[in-house]
């Protein structure tokens, strides 16, 4: 599995994490190209079913990026995201999914370097986990 490259779906808050990803790109920072970014209005809008769906349809990991606590443009959306991810990670093993395949990170619009590091670290963790194996129904 030396050639395994994980696929990562990233749900990124439009105000902070997506802008941080954009800054990483415009700053030409190097990070693995394994991420498919999806801009969402707020990390608090990410439904747990979206995360499970992404994992069951071929993603090896899901990254949710939001504003730092206290800086959410929608006041408490990132707190909602934190609660949802906590609960989701509790039920993922019941679905045959390692909770480590889901990661929640706070990245501000000015943290392009941090975004690049988060992606690099997550991709390395997913490489160690290996490809996603979905439990068959039945």
C-alpha atoms as a PDB file:
ATOM      1  CA  UNK A   1       0.000   0.000   0.000  1.00  0.00           C
ATOM      2  CA  UNK A   2       2.988   2.282  -0.440  1.00  0.00           C
ATOM      3  CA  UNK A   3       1.200   4.030  -3.300  1.00  0.00           C
ATOM      4  CA  UNK A   4      -2.035   4.638  -1.365  1.00  0.00           C
ATOM      5  CA  UNK A   5      -3.128   8.277  -1.521  1.00  0.00           C
ATOM      6  CA  UNK A   6      -6.115   9.075   0.698  1.00  0.00           C
ATOM      7  CA  UNK A   7      -9.039  11.051  -0.668  1.00  0.00           C
ATOM      8  CA  UNK A   8     -10.207  13.795   1.682  1.00  0.00           C
ATOM      9  CA  UNK A   9     -13.478  15.702   1.473  1.00  0.00           C
ATOM     10  CA  UNK A  10     -13.194  19.030   3.295  1.00  0.00           C
ATOM     11  CA  UNK A  11     -16.269  20.983   4.368  1.00  0.00           C
ATOM     12  CA  UNK A  12     -14.875  24.472   4.914  1.00  0.00           C
ATOM     13  CA  UNK A  13     -16.587  27.505   6.437  1.00  0.00           C
ATOM     14  CA  UNK A  14     -16.715  30.248   3.805  1.00  0.00           C
ATOM     15  CA  UNK A  15     -15.552  32.973   6.184  1.00  0.00           C
ATOM     16  CA  UNK A  16     -12.508  31.377   7.777  1.00  0.00           C
ATOM     17  CA  UNK A  17     -11.348  27.902   6.804  1.00  0.00           C
ATOM     18  CA  UNK A  18     -12.143  28.284   3.089  1.00  0.00           C
ATOM     19  CA  UNK A  19     -10.420  31.671   3.064  1.00  0.00           C
ATOM     20  CA  UNK A  20      -7.453  30.056   4.867  1.00  0.00           C
ATOM     21  CA  UNK A  21      -7.315  27.380   2.170  1.00  0.00           C
ATOM     22  CA  UNK A  22      -7.464  30.097  -0.467  1.00  0.00           C
ATOM     23  CA  UNK A  23      -4.608  31.936   1.240  1.00  0.00           C
ATOM     24  CA  UNK A  24      -2.540  28.741   1.295  1.00  0.00           C
ATOM     25  CA  UNK A  25      -3.077  28.433  -2.452  1.00  0.00           C
ATOM     26  CA  UNK A  26      -2.348  32.055  -3.335  1.00  0.00           C
ATOM     27  CA  UNK A  27       0.736  31.934  -1.087  1.00  0.00           C
ATOM     28  CA  UNK A  28       1.860  28.857  -3.027  1.00  0.00           C
ATOM     29  CA  UNK A  29       2.271  26.831   0.149  1.00  0.00           C
ATOM     30  CA  UNK A  30       2.966  23.150  -0.451  1.00  0.00           C
ATOM     31  CA  UNK A  31       0.476  20.636   0.909  1.00  0.00           C
ATOM     32  CA  UNK A  32      -0.905  17.336  -0.386  1.00  0.00           C
ATOM     33  CA  UNK A  33      -3.384  17.711  -3.268  1.00  0.00           C
ATOM     34  CA  UNK A  34      -5.645  15.069  -1.726  1.00  0.00           C
ATOM     35  CA  UNK A  35      -8.372  17.470  -0.597  1.00  0.00           C
ATOM     36  CA  UNK A  36     -11.640  18.224  -2.357  1.00  0.00           C
ATOM     37  CA  UNK A  37     -12.815  21.483  -0.743  1.00  0.00           C
ATOM     38  CA  UNK A  38     -16.521  22.149  -0.370  1.00  0.00           C
ATOM     39  CA  UNK A  39     -17.450  25.638   0.779  1.00  0.00           C
ATOM     40  CA  UNK A  40     -20.271  25.767   3.303  1.00  0.00           C
ATOM     41  CA  UNK A  41     -21.789  28.874   4.919  1.00  0.00           C
ATOM     42  CA  UNK A  42     -20.688  27.736   8.391  1.00  0.00           C
ATOM     43  CA  UNK A  43     -19.139  24.637   9.973  1.00  0.00           C
ATOM     44  CA  UNK A  44     -22.325  24.412  12.047  1.00  0.00           C
ATOM     45  CA  UNK A  45     -24.276  23.695   8.868  1.00  0.00           C
ATOM     46  CA  UNK A  46     -22.386  20.471   8.127  1.00  0.00           C
ATOM     47  CA  UNK A  47     -24.814  17.616   8.623  1.00  0.00           C
ATOM     48  CA  UNK A  48     -23.432  14.383  10.100  1.00  0.00           C
ATOM     49  CA  UNK A  49     -25.186  12.513   7.279  1.00  0.00           C
ATOM     50  CA  UNK A  50     -22.986  14.394   4.758  1.00  0.00           C
ATOM     51  CA  UNK A  51     -19.875  13.157   6.547  1.00  0.00           C
ATOM     52  CA  UNK A  52     -21.061   9.540   6.629  1.00  0.00           C
ATOM     53  CA  UNK A  53     -22.193   9.762   3.000  1.00  0.00           C
ATOM     54  CA  UNK A  54     -18.780  11.052   1.882  1.00  0.00           C
ATOM     55  CA  UNK A  55     -17.016   8.218   3.716  1.00  0.00           C
ATOM     56  CA  UNK A  56     -19.373   5.576   2.337  1.00  0.00           C
ATOM     57  CA  UNK A  57     -18.949   6.911  -1.212  1.00  0.00           C
ATOM     58  CA  UNK A  58     -15.162   6.733  -1.367  1.00  0.00           C
ATOM     59  CA  UNK A  59     -13.577   9.402   0.817  1.00  0.00           C
ATOM     60  CA  UNK A  60     -10.892   8.074   3.148  1.00  0.00           C
ATOM     61  CA  UNK A  61     -11.367  10.999   5.507  1.00  0.00           C
ATOM     62  CA  UNK A  62     -13.472  14.098   6.096  1.00  0.00           C
ATOM     63  CA  UNK A  63     -12.089  17.398   7.337  1.00  0.00           C
ATOM     64  CA  UNK A  64     -14.455  20.009   8.748  1.00  0.00           C
ATOM     65  CA  UNK A  65     -12.915  23.461   9.022  1.00  0.00           C
ATOM     66  CA  UNK A  66     -14.467  26.372  10.855  1.00  0.00           C
ATOM     67  CA  UNK A  67     -13.786  29.689  12.543  1.00  0.00           C
ATOM     68  CA  UNK A  68     -11.989  29.692  15.877  1.00  0.00           C
ATOM     69  CA  UNK A  69     -14.338  29.544  18.892  1.00  0.00           C
ATOM     70  CA  UNK A  70     -15.594  33.043  19.626  1.00  0.00           C
ATOM     71  CA  UNK A  71     -14.998  34.198  16.031  1.00  0.00           C
ATOM     72  CA  UNK A  72     -17.912  32.526  14.235  1.00  0.00           C
ATOM     73  CA  UNK A  73     -19.706  34.867  11.846  1.00  0.00           C
ATOM     74  CA  UNK A  74     -22.930  33.165  12.913  1.00  0.00           C
ATOM     75  CA  UNK A  75     -22.096  33.520  16.628  1.00  0.00           C
ATOM     76  CA  UNK A  76     -22.242  29.869  17.725  1.00  0.00           C
ATOM     77  CA  UNK A  77     -22.072  27.757  14.562  1.00  0.00           C
ATOM     78  CA  UNK A  78     -18.641  26.382  15.390  1.00  0.00           C
ATOM     79  CA  UNK A  79     -19.859  25.265  18.831  1.00  0.00           C
ATOM     80  CA  UNK A  80     -22.702  23.425  17.099  1.00  0.00           C
ATOM     81  CA  UNK A  81     -20.151  21.797  14.770  1.00  0.00           C
ATOM     82  CA  UNK A  82     -18.019  20.730  17.739  1.00  0.00           C
ATOM     83  CA  UNK A  83     -21.030  19.068  19.435  1.00  0.00           C
ATOM     84  CA  UNK A  84     -22.087  17.341  16.211  1.00  0.00           C
ATOM     85  CA  UNK A  85     -18.602  15.989  15.506  1.00  0.00           C
ATOM     86  CA  UNK A  86     -18.266  14.758  19.094  1.00  0.00           C
ATOM     87  CA  UNK A  87     -21.541  12.821  18.818  1.00  0.00           C
ATOM     88  CA  UNK A  88     -20.773  11.607  15.290  1.00  0.00           C
ATOM     89  CA  UNK A  89     -17.448  10.151  16.421  1.00  0.00           C
ATOM     90  CA  UNK A  90     -19.327   8.207  19.120  1.00  0.00           C
ATOM     91  CA  UNK A  91     -21.545   6.444  16.546  1.00  0.00           C
ATOM     92  CA  UNK A  92     -19.057   5.967  13.681  1.00  0.00           C
ATOM     93  CA  UNK A  93     -17.729   2.654  15.086  1.00  0.00           C
ATOM     94  CA  UNK A  94     -21.302   1.297  14.902  1.00  0.00           C
ATOM     95  CA  UNK A  95     -21.101   1.964  11.153  1.00  0.00           C
ATOM     96  CA  UNK A  96     -17.705   0.278  10.858  1.00  0.00           C
ATOM     97  CA  UNK A  97     -15.869   3.602  10.462  1.00  0.00           C
ATOM     98  CA  UNK A  98     -12.843   4.617  12.513  1.00  0.00           C
ATOM     99  CA  UNK A  99     -13.579   7.958  14.257  1.00  0.00           C
ATOM    100  CA  UNK A 100     -10.073   9.135  13.319  1.00  0.00           C
ATOM    101  CA  UNK A 101     -11.292   9.489   9.742  1.00  0.00           C
ATOM    102  CA  UNK A 102     -13.190  12.629  10.755  1.00  0.00           C
ATOM    103  CA  UNK A 103     -11.339  15.720  11.853  1.00  0.00           C
ATOM    104  CA  UNK A 104     -12.587  19.114  13.028  1.00  0.00           C
ATOM    105  CA  UNK A 105     -10.143  22.036  12.886  1.00  0.00           C
ATOM    106  CA  UNK A 106     -10.341  25.759  13.514  1.00  0.00           C
ATOM    107  CA  UNK A 107      -8.570  27.771  10.813  1.00  0.00           C
ATOM    108  CA  UNK A 108      -8.892  31.527  10.392  1.00  0.00           C
ATOM    109  CA  UNK A 109      -8.771  33.404   7.095  1.00  0.00           C
ATOM    110  CA  UNK A 110      -5.206  34.512   7.869  1.00  0.00           C
ATOM    111  CA  UNK A 111      -3.918  31.016   8.653  1.00  0.00           C
ATOM    112  CA  UNK A 112      -2.960  29.676   5.240  1.00  0.00           C
ATOM    113  CA  UNK A 113       0.144  28.047   6.684  1.00  0.00           C
ATOM    114  CA  UNK A 114      -1.929  26.380   9.401  1.00  0.00           C
ATOM    115  CA  UNK A 115      -4.405  25.062   6.810  1.00  0.00           C
ATOM    116  CA  UNK A 116      -1.553  23.531   4.805  1.00  0.00           C
ATOM    117  CA  UNK A 117      -0.166  21.881   7.963  1.00  0.00           C
ATOM    118  CA  UNK A 118      -3.576  20.530   9.024  1.00  0.00           C
ATOM    119  CA  UNK A 119      -4.058  18.935   5.596  1.00  0.00           C
ATOM    120  CA  UNK A 120      -0.548  17.455   5.586  1.00  0.00           C
ATOM    121  CA  UNK A 121      -0.997  16.006   9.094  1.00  0.00           C
ATOM    122  CA  UNK A 122      -4.451  14.583   8.319  1.00  0.00           C
ATOM    123  CA  UNK A 123      -3.279  12.967   5.069  1.00  0.00           C
ATOM    124  CA  UNK A 124      -0.400  11.314   6.943  1.00  0.00           C
ATOM    125  CA  UNK A 125      -2.804   9.962   9.586  1.00  0.00           C
ATOM    126  CA  UNK A 126      -5.081   8.599   6.869  1.00  0.00           C
ATOM    127  CA  UNK A 127      -2.154   6.950   5.067  1.00  0.00           C
ATOM    128  CA  UNK A 128      -1.368   5.136   8.320  1.00  0.00           C
ATOM    129  CA  UNK A 129      -5.020   4.019   8.622  1.00  0.00           C
ATOM    130  CA  UNK A 130      -5.075   2.756   5.047  1.00  0.00           C
ATOM    131  CA  UNK A 131      -7.959   2.835   2.585  1.00  0.00           C
ATOM    132  CA  UNK A 132     -11.502   3.215   3.845  1.00  0.00           C
ATOM    133  CA  UNK A 133     -13.370  -0.075   4.032  1.00  0.00           C
ATOM    134  CA  UNK A 134     -17.142   0.244   4.168  1.00  0.00           C
ATOM    135  CA  UNK A 135     -19.088  -2.416   6.020  1.00  0.00           C
ATOM    136  CA  UNK A 136     -21.425  -4.267   3.696  1.00  0.00           C
ATOM    137  CA  UNK A 137     -25.080  -4.204   4.623  1.00  0.00           C
ATOM    138  CA  UNK A 138     -26.740  -7.437   5.560  1.00  0.00           C
END
